[in-house]
Amino acid sequence: MKSITVDDHKALADEPQKGHNRWHEAITPVIEAAPGEEIEIQTRDAFDGQITPQTTAQDLLACDLNRVHPLTGPVFVSGAEPGDLLEVEIRDMKPAGFGYTVQVPGFGFLRDAFPEPYIAKWTIKDGFAQSADLPNVQIPDGAFVGVIGVAPSRELRERVTRREAELAARGGLALPPEARGAVPATEPIASEALRTIPPRENGGNLDIKQLSKGARLLLPVFVEGALFSVGDAHFAQGDGEACGTAIEMCGAILVSFTLHKGEAGRRGIRFPRFLRNDYYFPPELAVPRRFLATTGMSVRADGGNESEDTTLSARNALLAMIDLLVERGWTRQQAYAICSVAVDLKISELVDVPNMVVSAFLPLDIFGQ
């Protein structure tokens, strides 16, 4: 079996021949794989080794966020051409023994409500993650990679750069290309390449927990060889990854590829799709037998109404869940972390104007008896 191994005691910049932390069509492939061939890919953690068992909450303020996310690859898939559809079968995931969940000031869905740094450290063993920072919480294995994708074409990269710059000019949040901390550090790639924080047409930071062992991901191909890369391994995550991190870890993923020639172009497939033929989690965990749920609607804290605002509804559902956890004895930061790794945000309805309903589901079996 072919493989890409990394030394997770080194930063990506110390092993630049093994990966990258930006998206660009000119990044040199690490390895070539034929359709049907299995390949094992080891990955660094999302913060590129900056967070260890010794890290404190205050240490997070010194983390270089320009190093997020170190990806392993690219893999050149033989025969892949623009317009093809690349099917990626996730055959296995191998978790590490240490994980962490952090809240970094300025990042996360509720960043305005949580301005202080926080860290929970996890020990991963025998199919579960446990943390002294969150006593009596036991999270089962739902390992997957948060970032998984292919290289954009030059045309797509330039279009994304323009549209995200326009969004930022309108007051939206977008991260423009940034050469500081970029791997590769060579120009013009470092100054042109796309950041890995948002997902896009090429996949990337999808953070879809159902893309675990047994899933098949369908990605439009934009460049010759597809240039497939992965990173940002998670042991577990709630749908929403609310605080900006899941149970982050190093890991390894085993994949194989199938090419559907011309299918993305012929069918007009613009964004990733995925499917599977088995449960992504044991059924009693995927649909928990015991749970508590809160709801949120498109109503502001001052009582005013917004129209069809699912973001506001999700915020309200999440804040209500945090309040519920605080009532049960957790601090607000502990509650926010629990939400990020275990609470699933679900759109309950989109049609009953003006109030969209989002529900937050807390599985009760994660708590010790």
Protein backbone atom coordinates (compact mmCIF):
# COMPACT_ATOMS: atom_id res chain seq x y z
CA MET A 1 0.00 0.00 0.00
CA LYS A 2 1.23 3.48 -0.82
CA SER A 3 1.41 5.98 2.02
CA ILE A 4 2.39 9.51 2.98
CA THR A 5 3.89 9.60 6.47
CA VAL A 6 4.56 12.76 8.46
CA ASP A 7 6.57 13.51 11.58
CA ASP A 8 3.99 15.14 13.83
CA HIS A 9 6.78 16.32 16.12
CA LYS A 10 7.79 18.69 13.33
CA ALA A 11 5.90 21.68 11.98
CA LEU A 12 4.70 21.51 8.40
CA ALA A 13 7.27 24.15 7.44
CA ASP A 14 9.96 21.68 8.50
CA GLU A 15 8.56 19.02 6.14
CA PRO A 16 7.24 21.13 3.24
CA GLN A 17 7.69 18.29 0.79
CA LYS A 18 4.85 16.42 2.57
CA GLY A 19 2.08 19.00 2.48
CA HIS A 20 0.73 22.55 2.33
CA ASN A 21 -1.59 24.90 4.22
CA ARG A 22 -3.05 26.86 1.31
CA TRP A 23 -4.97 25.86 -1.84
CA HIS A 24 -3.21 26.49 -5.17
CA GLU A 25 -3.14 24.68 -8.48
CA ALA A 26 0.68 24.84 -8.77
CA ILE A 27 1.56 22.92 -5.57
CA THR A 28 3.76 19.94 -6.43
CA PRO A 29 2.19 16.51 -5.78
CA VAL A 30 3.71 14.31 -3.08
CA ILE A 31 2.66 10.98 -4.55
CA GLU A 32 0.67 9.49 -7.43
CA ALA A 33 -2.17 7.00 -7.03
CA ALA A 34 -4.19 5.13 -9.62
CA PRO A 35 -7.97 4.72 -9.37
CA GLY A 36 -8.73 1.74 -7.15
CA GLU A 37 -5.38 1.92 -5.36
CA GLU A 38 -5.43 2.27 -1.57
CA ILE A 39 -3.33 4.99 0.02
CA GLU A 40 -2.80 5.79 3.69
CA ILE A 41 -2.28 9.46 4.53
CA GLN A 42 -1.07 10.66 7.93
CA THR A 43 -2.14 14.12 9.07
CA ARG A 44 -0.99 16.76 11.52
CA ASP A 45 -3.43 18.45 13.90
CA ALA A 46 -5.22 21.62 12.82
CA PHE A 47 -2.87 23.95 14.74
CA ASP A 48 0.26 22.33 13.30
CA GLY A 49 1.65 21.04 16.60
CA GLN A 50 1.31 24.31 18.49
CA ILE A 51 -1.04 22.75 21.07
CA THR A 52 0.33 19.99 23.32
CA PRO A 53 -0.63 18.37 26.64
CA GLN A 54 1.30 21.20 28.33
CA THR A 55 -0.51 24.07 26.59
CA THR A 56 -2.48 26.48 28.78
CA ALA A 57 -5.44 28.66 27.84
CA GLN A 58 -3.25 31.76 27.88
CA ASP A 59 -0.79 30.06 25.52
CA LEU A 60 -3.54 30.07 22.88
CA LEU A 61 -3.14 33.83 22.55
CA ALA A 62 0.33 33.26 21.09
CA CYS A 63 -0.73 30.64 18.52
CA ASP A 64 0.06 31.56 14.91
CA LEU A 65 -3.28 31.12 13.15
CA ASN A 66 -1.60 31.56 9.77
CA ARG A 67 -0.37 27.96 10.20
CA VAL A 68 -3.93 26.55 10.23
CA HIS A 69 -4.60 23.96 8.59
CA PRO A 70 -1.57 21.81 7.69
CA LEU A 71 -2.69 19.43 4.95
CA THR A 72 -0.98 16.27 3.73
CA GLY A 73 -0.67 15.95 -0.04
CA PRO A 74 -1.42 16.63 -2.79
CA VAL A 75 -2.03 13.18 -4.24
CA PHE A 76 -1.96 13.13 -8.05
CA VAL A 77 -4.79 10.84 -9.16
CA SER A 78 -3.83 9.21 -12.44
CA GLY A 79 -6.17 10.07 -15.29
CA ALA A 80 -8.14 12.78 -13.47
CA GLU A 81 -9.00 15.77 -15.65
CA PRO A 82 -11.05 18.96 -15.25
CA GLY A 83 -14.75 18.17 -15.51
CA ASP A 84 -14.38 14.70 -13.99
CA LEU A 85 -16.03 13.67 -10.75
CA LEU A 86 -13.63 12.18 -8.21
CA GLU A 87 -15.13 9.63 -5.84
CA VAL A 88 -13.14 9.30 -2.64
CA GLU A 89 -13.92 6.21 -0.56
CA ILE A 90 -12.94 6.62 3.09
CA ARG A 91 -11.91 3.11 4.06
CA ASP A 92 -10.57 3.71 7.55
CA MET A 93 -9.63 6.35 10.13
CA LYS A 94 -6.92 5.91 12.76
CA PRO A 95 -7.06 8.34 15.72
CA ALA A 96 -4.16 9.54 17.84
CA GLY A 97 -4.01 9.31 21.63
CA PHE A 98 -4.23 13.03 22.43
CA GLY A 99 -6.82 15.59 21.42
CA TYR A 100 -7.93 19.07 22.34
CA THR A 101 -10.86 21.47 22.04
CA VAL A 102 -10.01 25.16 22.15
CA GLN A 103 -11.83 28.48 22.12
CA VAL A 104 -9.69 31.13 20.47
CA PRO A 105 -10.73 34.78 20.95
CA GLY A 106 -12.23 36.20 17.77
CA PHE A 107 -13.14 32.80 16.30
CA GLY A 108 -16.18 30.55 16.60
CA PHE A 109 -19.90 30.94 16.07
CA LEU A 110 -20.44 32.77 19.39
CA ARG A 111 -17.13 34.68 19.33
CA ASP A 112 -18.80 37.86 20.63
CA ALA A 113 -20.11 36.03 23.71
CA PHE A 114 -16.88 34.14 24.47
CA PRO A 115 -13.93 36.58 24.37
CA GLU A 116 -11.62 34.55 26.66
CA PRO A 117 -9.37 31.62 25.64
CA TYR A 118 -10.21 28.11 26.81
CA ILE A 119 -8.76 24.64 26.36
CA ALA A 120 -10.02 21.14 27.14
CA LYS A 121 -7.48 18.32 26.66
CA TRP A 122 -8.65 14.83 25.80
CA THR A 123 -7.18 11.37 26.29
CA ILE A 124 -8.26 9.10 23.44
CA LYS A 125 -8.33 5.40 24.31
CA ASP A 126 -10.42 2.30 23.64
CA GLY A 127 -12.86 4.08 21.36
CA PHE A 128 -13.65 7.03 23.64
CA ALA A 129 -12.29 10.49 24.49
CA GLN A 130 -12.27 11.70 28.10
CA SER A 131 -11.05 14.95 29.62
CA ALA A 132 -10.18 16.02 33.15
CA ASP A 133 -11.34 19.47 32.03
CA LEU A 134 -14.85 18.10 31.41
CA PRO A 135 -15.36 15.50 34.16
CA ASN A 136 -17.81 12.65 33.56
CA VAL A 137 -18.02 13.35 29.83
CA GLN A 138 -17.22 10.42 27.54
CA ILE A 139 -17.32 10.98 23.79
CA PRO A 140 -17.41 7.94 21.46
CA ASP A 141 -15.24 7.58 18.38
CA GLY A 142 -16.60 9.41 15.35
CA ALA A 143 -13.25 10.02 13.67
CA PHE A 144 -13.11 11.89 10.35
CA VAL A 145 -11.03 14.55 8.62
CA GLY A 146 -12.39 18.09 8.67
CA VAL A 147 -10.48 19.24 5.58
CA ILE A 148 -10.69 17.09 2.47
CA GLY A 149 -10.57 18.37 -1.08
CA VAL A 150 -8.86 18.93 -4.38
CA ALA A 151 -6.98 21.87 -5.85
CA PRO A 152 -8.91 24.72 -7.45
CA SER A 153 -8.15 25.71 -11.00
CA ARG A 154 -6.50 29.06 -11.57
CA GLU A 155 -9.82 30.42 -12.81
CA LEU A 156 -11.67 29.21 -9.71
CA ARG A 157 -8.94 30.46 -7.37
CA GLU A 158 -9.00 33.94 -8.91
CA ARG A 159 -12.80 34.03 -8.87
CA VAL A 160 -12.87 33.01 -5.19
CA THR A 161 -10.29 35.69 -4.35
CA ARG A 162 -12.42 38.36 -6.04
CA ARG A 163 -15.71 37.31 -4.51
CA GLU A 164 -14.29 37.02 -0.99
CA ALA A 165 -12.64 40.44 -1.32
CA GLU A 166 -15.99 41.87 -2.40
CA LEU A 167 -17.65 40.19 0.57
CA ALA A 168 -15.09 41.70 2.96
CA ALA A 169 -15.63 45.13 1.39
CA ARG A 170 -19.35 44.79 2.20
CA GLY A 171 -18.49 44.14 5.85
CA GLY A 172 -18.54 40.35 5.69
CA LEU A 173 -15.93 38.05 7.21
CA ALA A 174 -13.39 36.63 4.78
CA LEU A 175 -9.68 35.87 4.96
CA PRO A 176 -7.71 37.06 1.93
CA PRO A 177 -4.52 35.31 0.75
CA GLU A 178 -1.73 35.72 3.29
CA ALA A 179 1.91 34.85 2.66
CA ARG A 180 2.88 34.84 6.35
CA GLY A 181 3.02 31.24 7.55
CA ALA A 182 2.19 29.89 4.10
CA VAL A 183 3.47 26.50 2.98
CA PRO A 184 4.72 26.45 0.27
CA ALA A 185 6.51 29.69 1.10
CA THR A 186 7.64 30.16 -2.50
CA GLU A 187 6.21 32.97 -4.59
CA PRO A 188 3.86 33.56 -6.24
CA ILE A 189 2.08 30.63 -4.55
CA ALA A 190 2.40 32.03 -1.00
CA SER A 191 0.76 35.34 -1.92
CA GLU A 192 -1.85 33.92 -4.30
CA ALA A 193 -3.07 30.73 -2.63
CA LEU A 194 -6.43 30.49 -0.87
CA ARG A 195 -6.71 30.11 2.89
CA THR A 196 -8.10 26.82 4.17
CA ILE A 197 -10.63 28.18 6.68
CA PRO A 198 -13.76 28.21 4.47
CA PRO A 199 -15.09 25.29 2.43
CA ARG A 200 -15.54 25.99 -1.27
CA GLU A 201 -16.40 24.25 -4.54
CA ASN A 202 -13.23 22.17 -4.29
CA GLY A 203 -14.24 20.82 -0.86
CA GLY A 204 -11.76 21.85 1.80
CA ASN A 205 -12.86 22.61 5.35
CA LEU A 206 -16.21 20.84 5.12
CA ASP A 207 -16.26 19.63 8.76
CA ILE A 208 -18.95 17.06 7.89
CA LYS A 209 -18.84 14.40 10.58
CA GLN A 210 -20.71 11.91 8.40
CA LEU A 211 -17.56 11.71 6.22
CA SER A 212 -16.19 9.02 8.51
CA LYS A 213 -15.16 5.46 7.69
CA GLY A 214 -17.48 4.06 5.01
CA ALA A 215 -18.39 7.37 3.37
CA ARG A 216 -17.87 8.20 -0.29
CA LEU A 217 -17.22 11.82 -1.16
CA LEU A 218 -17.79 13.14 -4.69
CA LEU A 219 -15.64 16.10 -5.66
CA PRO A 220 -15.63 18.05 -8.96
CA VAL A 221 -12.16 17.98 -10.52
CA PHE A 222 -10.65 21.31 -11.56
CA VAL A 223 -7.04 20.47 -12.49
CA GLU A 224 -5.14 17.59 -14.03
CA GLY A 225 -4.56 14.88 -11.43
CA ALA A 226 -7.21 16.42 -9.12
CA LEU A 227 -4.46 17.12 -6.50
CA PHE A 228 -6.23 15.62 -3.49
CA SER A 229 -5.25 16.62 0.08
CA VAL A 230 -6.53 16.03 3.63
CA GLY A 231 -5.98 17.30 7.17
CA ASP A 232 -7.67 18.61 10.32
CA ALA A 233 -8.49 15.19 11.79
CA HIS A 234 -11.25 15.10 14.42
CA PHE A 235 -12.04 12.34 16.90
CA ALA A 236 -15.59 13.63 17.29
CA GLN A 237 -17.67 16.72 16.53
CA GLY A 238 -21.19 17.99 16.94
CA ASP A 239 -22.97 19.16 13.80
CA GLY A 240 -22.00 22.82 13.74
CA GLU A 241 -18.57 22.65 15.47
CA ALA A 242 -19.84 25.70 17.33
CA CYS A 243 -16.75 26.96 19.15
CA GLY A 244 -14.56 26.53 16.07
CA THR A 245 -12.85 23.30 17.09
CA ALA A 246 -13.94 19.70 17.58
CA ILE A 247 -11.82 17.10 19.37
CA GLU A 248 -8.76 17.99 17.30
CA MET A 249 -6.02 15.41 16.82
CA CYS A 250 -3.37 13.97 14.55
CA GLY A 251 -4.48 10.88 12.68
CA ALA A 252 -4.37 8.78 9.54
CA ILE A 253 -6.92 8.16 6.82
CA LEU A 254 -7.08 5.28 4.33
CA VAL A 255 -8.68 6.20 0.99
CA SER A 256 -9.13 4.96 -2.53
CA PHE A 257 -10.34 6.75 -5.66
CA THR A 258 -12.80 6.15 -8.47
CA LEU A 259 -13.01 8.44 -11.49
CA HIS A 260 -16.29 9.29 -13.17
CA LYS A 261 -15.07 10.73 -16.44
CA GLY A 262 -16.68 14.04 -17.43
CA GLU A 263 -19.53 13.62 -14.93
CA ALA A 264 -19.09 16.88 -13.02
CA GLY A 265 -19.08 18.88 -16.23
CA ARG A 266 -21.88 16.93 -17.89
CA ARG A 267 -24.18 17.08 -14.86
CA GLY A 268 -23.24 20.60 -13.77
CA ILE A 269 -22.06 19.47 -10.33
CA ARG A 270 -20.62 22.59 -8.64
CA PHE A 271 -20.22 21.48 -5.03
CA PRO A 272 -19.22 18.29 -3.18
CA ARG A 273 -21.71 15.49 -2.62
CA PHE A 274 -21.43 12.44 -0.39
CA LEU A 275 -23.14 9.12 0.25
CA ARG A 276 -22.79 5.96 2.27
CA ASN A 277 -24.40 2.55 2.59
CA ASP A 278 -24.09 2.08 6.35
CA TYR A 279 -24.52 4.03 9.56
CA TYR A 280 -21.96 6.77 10.09
CA PHE A 281 -22.28 6.12 13.82
CA PRO A 282 -23.96 3.33 15.82
CA PRO A 283 -27.69 4.02 15.40
CA GLU A 284 -28.24 4.66 19.11
CA LEU A 285 -25.63 7.43 18.92
CA ALA A 286 -26.51 8.84 15.52
CA VAL A 287 -30.12 9.10 16.72
CA PRO A 288 -29.69 9.20 20.50
CA ARG A 289 -32.24 7.34 22.59
CA ARG A 290 -31.92 9.87 25.41
CA PHE A 291 -31.49 13.54 24.65
CA LEU A 292 -32.36 17.08 25.62
CA ALA A 293 -33.07 19.68 22.96
CA THR A 294 -33.45 23.43 22.82
CA THR A 295 -34.90 25.52 20.00
CA GLY A 296 -34.10 28.88 18.50
CA MET A 297 -36.15 31.18 16.29
CA SER A 298 -35.53 34.32 14.23
CA VAL A 299 -36.12 36.65 17.17
CA ARG A 300 -33.47 38.99 18.55
CA ALA A 301 -32.56 39.24 22.23
CA ASP A 302 -34.36 42.60 22.39
CA GLY A 303 -37.56 40.92 21.20
CA GLY A 304 -37.45 42.23 17.64
CA ASN A 305 -38.17 39.91 14.74
CA GLU A 306 -35.93 39.14 11.76
CA SER A 307 -37.30 37.47 8.66
CA GLU A 308 -36.18 33.93 7.80
CA ASP A 309 -32.86 34.28 9.63
CA THR A 310 -31.56 30.75 10.27
CA THR A 311 -28.25 32.06 11.59
CA LEU A 312 -30.08 33.93 14.35
CA SER A 313 -32.21 30.84 15.03
CA ALA A 314 -29.08 28.67 15.35
CA ARG A 315 -27.49 31.22 17.68
CA ASN A 316 -30.57 31.26 19.90
CA ALA A 317 -30.76 27.45 20.03
CA LEU A 318 -27.09 27.22 20.95
CA LEU A 319 -27.27 29.93 23.62
CA ALA A 320 -30.28 28.18 25.13
CA MET A 321 -28.35 24.89 25.21
CA ILE A 322 -25.43 26.61 26.93
CA ASP A 323 -27.84 28.03 29.53
CA LEU A 324 -29.26 24.54 30.04
CA LEU A 325 -25.79 23.06 30.61
CA VAL A 326 -24.90 25.86 33.02
CA GLU A 327 -28.05 25.01 34.98
CA ARG A 328 -26.67 21.45 35.22
CA GLY A 329 -23.42 22.66 36.79
CA TRP A 330 -21.02 23.43 33.93
CA THR A 331 -19.27 26.75 33.37
CA ARG A 332 -20.20 28.63 30.23
CA GLN A 333 -16.90 27.78 28.54
CA GLN A 334 -17.25 24.10 29.44
CA ALA A 335 -20.79 24.17 28.06
CA TYR A 336 -19.63 25.81 24.81
CA ALA A 337 -16.97 23.10 24.41
CA ILE A 338 -19.51 20.33 25.02
CA CYS A 339 -21.76 21.88 22.38
CA SER A 340 -18.91 21.95 19.87
CA VAL A 341 -17.98 18.28 20.27
CA ALA A 342 -21.34 16.64 20.96
CA VAL A 343 -24.40 18.86 20.28
CA ASP A 344 -26.04 18.60 16.84
CA LEU A 345 -27.65 21.70 15.37
CA LYS A 346 -30.48 20.77 13.02
CA ILE A 347 -32.74 22.89 10.86
CA SER A 348 -36.21 21.87 11.97
CA GLU A 349 -38.14 24.04 9.52
CA LEU A 350 -37.53 26.76 6.94
CA VAL A 351 -41.03 27.59 5.73
CA ASP A 352 -43.06 29.07 8.57
CA VAL A 353 -42.23 32.71 7.93
CA PRO A 354 -40.89 34.78 9.53
CA ASN A 355 -39.49 32.37 12.14
CA MET A 356 -37.14 29.60 11.06
CA VAL A 357 -36.60 26.94 13.74
CA VAL A 358 -33.21 25.42 14.57
CA SER A 359 -32.99 22.74 17.27
CA ALA A 360 -29.91 21.80 19.32
CA PHE A 361 -29.75 18.14 20.40
CA LEU A 362 -27.67 17.05 23.40
CA PRO A 363 -27.15 13.26 23.69
CA LEU A 364 -27.40 12.40 27.38
CA ASP A 365 -25.43 9.15 27.18
CA ILE A 366 -22.16 11.12 26.91
CA PHE A 367 -22.44 11.85 30.63
CA GLY A 368 -21.28 9.39 33.25
CA GLN A 369 -23.92 7.82 35.42
